Amino acid sequence: MELGNQIKKYRNELEISQEKLAEKIYVSRQSISNWENDKNYPDINSLIRLSEVFHVSLDNLIKGDVEKMKKEISVKDRKDFNKVSNILAVLFGLLILTPMPLLFFLDNVGIVIWVLLAVVSIYVAFLAEKKKKEFDIQTYKEIVAFTEGKNLDEISKAREEGKRPYQKILLALFAAIFAVILSLGIMYVLTKFF
């Protein structure tokens, strides 16, 4: 955490001891020592008093910590998004590869298993879409930038937002074409072998 360094820096600039600072903000000297050594974090009242004593804004006092917290949240969000994306990729791969073997080896039970797999895949796809909306990422470029922990500049973001309606239309078209081809393939295989 940066707050400990900030408190120590501002205290040294004022040339006051930990004891004097503790008196000014109504805490023990041990509390000041713990904060400066990052053993614990001051409560909001103490933070406000510290900012008043140091004559700095709360923003400046905890700036480094806020940035670190944002980074930690961002890393967790990216990991969650990547996990959902990987699960979705595996499920869709299984959806494509398993209908014929399931039907051939397990007959009607295989169809039930495949339908359950499809329902789970739809649910995970819904979760992925929810994450994409939460982080305002829709286009491929935005998704790649997000997973790499980068941000698009404003011009690139505006360009990508302009592409979204066209990409959604193309995605729907490709999904429809893929579904027709897959259906025709399954029908062909069924008529050929059964």
Protein backbone atom coordinates (compact mmCIF):
# COMPACT_ATOMS: atom_id res chain seq x y z
CA MET A 1 0.00 0.00 0.00
CA GLU A 2 1.10 3.56 -0.66
CA LEU A 3 -0.74 5.21 2.22
CA GLY A 4 1.94 4.33 4.77
CA ASN A 5 4.57 6.04 2.63
CA GLN A 6 2.29 9.03 2.10
CA ILE A 7 1.70 9.49 5.85
CA LYS A 8 5.42 9.20 6.56
CA LYS A 9 6.27 11.65 3.75
CA TYR A 10 3.77 14.30 4.83
CA ARG A 11 4.67 13.88 8.52
CA ASN A 12 8.36 14.38 7.70
CA GLU A 13 7.55 17.45 5.58
CA LEU A 14 5.80 18.98 8.61
CA GLU A 15 8.74 17.87 10.76
CA ILE A 16 6.57 16.35 13.46
CA SER A 17 6.98 13.10 15.34
CA GLN A 18 4.58 10.20 15.31
CA GLU A 19 3.52 11.20 18.84
CA LYS A 20 2.66 14.78 17.80
CA LEU A 21 0.73 13.55 14.77
CA ALA A 22 -1.11 11.04 16.95
CA GLU A 23 -2.15 13.84 19.33
CA LYS A 24 -3.45 15.97 16.46
CA ILE A 25 -5.69 13.25 15.06
CA TYR A 26 -6.66 11.67 18.40
CA VAL A 27 -5.08 8.24 18.01
CA SER A 28 -2.17 6.43 19.65
CA ARG A 29 1.41 6.70 18.47
CA GLN A 30 1.26 2.95 17.82
CA SER A 31 -1.58 3.52 15.33
CA ILE A 32 0.56 5.99 13.38
CA SER A 33 3.44 3.50 13.39
CA ASN A 34 1.14 0.71 12.18
CA TRP A 35 -0.22 2.89 9.37
CA GLU A 36 3.25 3.96 8.25
CA ASN A 37 4.41 0.34 8.24
CA ASP A 38 1.28 -0.86 6.39
CA LYS A 39 0.23 -3.11 9.26
CA ASN A 40 -3.29 -1.73 9.15
CA TYR A 41 -5.33 0.99 7.49
CA PRO A 42 -6.82 4.11 9.13
CA ASP A 43 -10.58 4.48 9.35
CA ILE A 44 -12.34 7.20 7.37
CA ASN A 45 -12.39 9.68 10.28
CA SER A 46 -8.64 9.31 10.75
CA LEU A 47 -8.10 9.74 7.02
CA ILE A 48 -10.06 12.98 7.07
CA ARG A 49 -8.10 14.28 10.05
CA LEU A 50 -4.81 13.30 8.38
CA SER A 51 -5.75 15.18 5.22
CA GLU A 52 -6.64 18.26 7.33
CA VAL A 53 -3.37 18.12 9.30
CA PHE A 54 -1.30 17.62 6.14
CA HIS A 55 -3.33 20.21 4.18
CA VAL A 56 -3.86 17.81 1.28
CA SER A 57 -6.98 16.35 -0.27
CA LEU A 58 -8.05 12.82 0.55
CA ASP A 59 -7.45 12.07 -3.11
CA ASN A 60 -3.78 13.00 -2.86
CA LEU A 61 -3.39 11.21 0.45
CA ILE A 62 -4.68 7.84 -0.79
CA LYS A 63 -3.97 8.25 -4.52
CA GLY A 64 -1.56 5.34 -4.84
CA ASP A 65 -3.86 3.01 -2.93
CA VAL A 66 -6.83 3.86 -5.13
CA GLU A 67 -4.78 3.12 -8.25
CA LYS A 68 -3.60 -0.20 -6.79
CA MET A 69 -7.15 -1.14 -5.83
CA LYS A 70 -8.35 -0.33 -9.35
CA LYS A 71 -5.58 -2.51 -10.78
CA GLU A 72 -6.43 -5.41 -8.46
CA ILE A 73 -10.11 -5.15 -9.37
CA SER A 74 -9.20 -4.97 -13.05
CA VAL A 75 -7.01 -8.08 -12.82
CA LYS A 76 -9.79 -10.01 -11.05
CA ASP A 77 -12.35 -8.87 -13.65
CA ARG A 78 -10.07 -9.96 -16.49
CA LYS A 79 -9.50 -13.37 -14.88
CA ASP A 80 -13.25 -13.84 -14.40
CA PHE A 81 -13.94 -12.83 -18.00
CA ASN A 82 -11.20 -15.13 -19.33
CA LYS A 83 -12.53 -18.03 -17.25
CA VAL A 84 -16.08 -17.59 -18.60
CA SER A 85 -14.73 -17.23 -22.16
CA ASN A 86 -12.66 -20.41 -21.90
CA ILE A 87 -15.58 -22.40 -20.50
CA LEU A 88 -17.78 -21.09 -23.30
CA ALA A 89 -15.23 -22.10 -25.94
CA VAL A 90 -14.99 -25.64 -24.54
CA LEU A 91 -18.77 -25.99 -24.34
CA PHE A 92 -19.30 -24.83 -27.92
CA GLY A 93 -16.57 -27.19 -29.09
CA LEU A 94 -18.38 -30.03 -27.34
CA LEU A 95 -21.69 -28.93 -28.87
CA ILE A 96 -20.20 -29.18 -32.34
CA LEU A 97 -18.26 -32.43 -31.86
CA THR A 98 -20.60 -34.55 -29.73
CA PRO A 99 -24.06 -34.78 -31.37
CA MET A 100 -23.26 -37.66 -33.72
CA PRO A 101 -21.26 -39.80 -31.26
CA LEU A 102 -23.91 -39.26 -28.57
CA LEU A 103 -26.70 -40.17 -30.97
CA PHE A 104 -24.84 -43.15 -32.37
CA PHE A 105 -23.72 -44.68 -29.07
CA LEU A 106 -26.47 -43.63 -26.67
CA ASP A 107 -29.49 -43.12 -28.96
CA ASN A 108 -32.24 -41.10 -27.18
CA VAL A 109 -30.19 -40.71 -24.01
CA GLY A 110 -27.49 -39.11 -26.15
CA ILE A 111 -30.00 -36.57 -27.46
CA VAL A 112 -30.98 -35.67 -23.88
CA ILE A 113 -27.33 -35.27 -22.90
CA TRP A 114 -26.69 -33.05 -25.93
CA VAL A 115 -29.75 -30.89 -25.13
CA LEU A 116 -28.52 -30.47 -21.53
CA LEU A 117 -25.10 -29.49 -22.89
CA ALA A 118 -26.79 -26.94 -25.16
CA VAL A 119 -28.73 -25.44 -22.23
CA VAL A 120 -25.57 -25.10 -20.15
CA SER A 121 -23.79 -23.52 -23.13
CA ILE A 122 -26.58 -20.99 -23.57
CA TYR A 123 -26.39 -20.10 -19.88
CA VAL A 124 -22.59 -19.60 -20.03
CA ALA A 125 -23.01 -17.53 -23.21
CA PHE A 126 -25.49 -15.37 -21.31
CA LEU A 127 -22.91 -14.91 -18.52
CA ALA A 128 -20.26 -13.91 -21.07
CA GLU A 129 -22.62 -11.35 -22.64
CA LYS A 130 -23.43 -9.98 -19.20
CA LYS A 131 -19.70 -9.52 -18.49
CA LYS A 132 -19.20 -7.84 -21.87
CA LYS A 133 -21.97 -5.36 -21.10
CA GLU A 134 -20.63 -4.78 -17.58
CA PHE A 135 -17.23 -3.79 -18.96
CA ASP A 136 -18.64 -2.10 -22.10
CA ILE A 137 -16.73 -4.35 -24.48
CA GLN A 138 -18.39 -5.66 -27.62
CA THR A 139 -16.00 -5.75 -30.56
CA TYR A 140 -13.09 -8.13 -30.94
CA LYS A 141 -10.57 -5.30 -30.54
CA GLU A 142 -12.20 -4.14 -27.31
CA ILE A 143 -12.27 -7.68 -25.92
CA VAL A 144 -8.60 -8.27 -26.75
CA ALA A 145 -7.61 -4.94 -25.18
CA PHE A 146 -9.60 -5.77 -22.04
CA THR A 147 -8.11 -9.25 -21.64
CA GLU A 148 -4.62 -7.75 -21.98
CA GLY A 149 -5.40 -5.13 -19.33
CA LYS A 150 -5.22 -2.23 -21.77
CA ASN A 151 -7.63 0.58 -22.53
CA LEU A 152 -8.47 1.88 -25.97
CA ASP A 153 -7.97 5.59 -26.47
CA GLU A 154 -11.11 7.66 -27.05
CA ILE A 155 -10.83 7.71 -30.85
CA SER A 156 -10.33 3.95 -31.08
CA LYS A 157 -13.19 3.40 -28.63
CA ALA A 158 -15.50 5.59 -30.76
CA ARG A 159 -14.50 3.67 -33.90
CA GLU A 160 -15.20 0.36 -32.20
CA GLU A 161 -18.58 1.59 -30.95
CA GLY A 162 -19.42 2.55 -34.53
CA LYS A 163 -18.65 -1.01 -35.68
CA ARG A 164 -20.93 -2.67 -33.13
CA PRO A 165 -24.24 -2.52 -35.06
CA TYR A 166 -22.61 -3.97 -38.20
CA GLN A 167 -20.83 -6.68 -36.27
CA LYS A 168 -24.07 -7.74 -34.59
CA ILE A 169 -25.79 -8.09 -37.98
CA LEU A 170 -22.85 -10.06 -39.37
CA LEU A 171 -22.73 -12.22 -36.26
CA ALA A 172 -26.43 -13.07 -36.62
CA LEU A 173 -25.94 -13.88 -40.32
CA PHE A 174 -22.93 -16.11 -39.66
CA ALA A 175 -24.76 -17.87 -36.82
CA ALA A 176 -27.74 -18.54 -39.10
CA ILE A 177 -25.53 -19.82 -41.94
CA PHE A 178 -23.58 -22.01 -39.51
CA ALA A 179 -26.81 -23.44 -38.06
CA VAL A 180 -28.13 -24.27 -41.54
CA ILE A 181 -24.86 -25.92 -42.59
CA LEU A 182 -24.68 -27.88 -39.33
CA SER A 183 -28.30 -29.00 -39.67
CA LEU A 184 -27.78 -30.09 -43.27
CA GLY A 185 -24.63 -31.97 -42.26
CA ILE A 186 -26.43 -33.79 -39.47
CA MET A 187 -29.34 -34.67 -41.78
CA TYR A 188 -26.92 -35.97 -44.41
CA VAL A 189 -25.07 -38.13 -41.90
CA LEU A 190 -28.32 -39.46 -40.46
CA THR A 191 -29.72 -40.40 -43.88
CA LYS A 192 -26.39 -41.91 -44.95
CA PHE A 193 -25.89 -44.15 -41.91
CA PHE A 194 -29.44 -44.80 -40.69
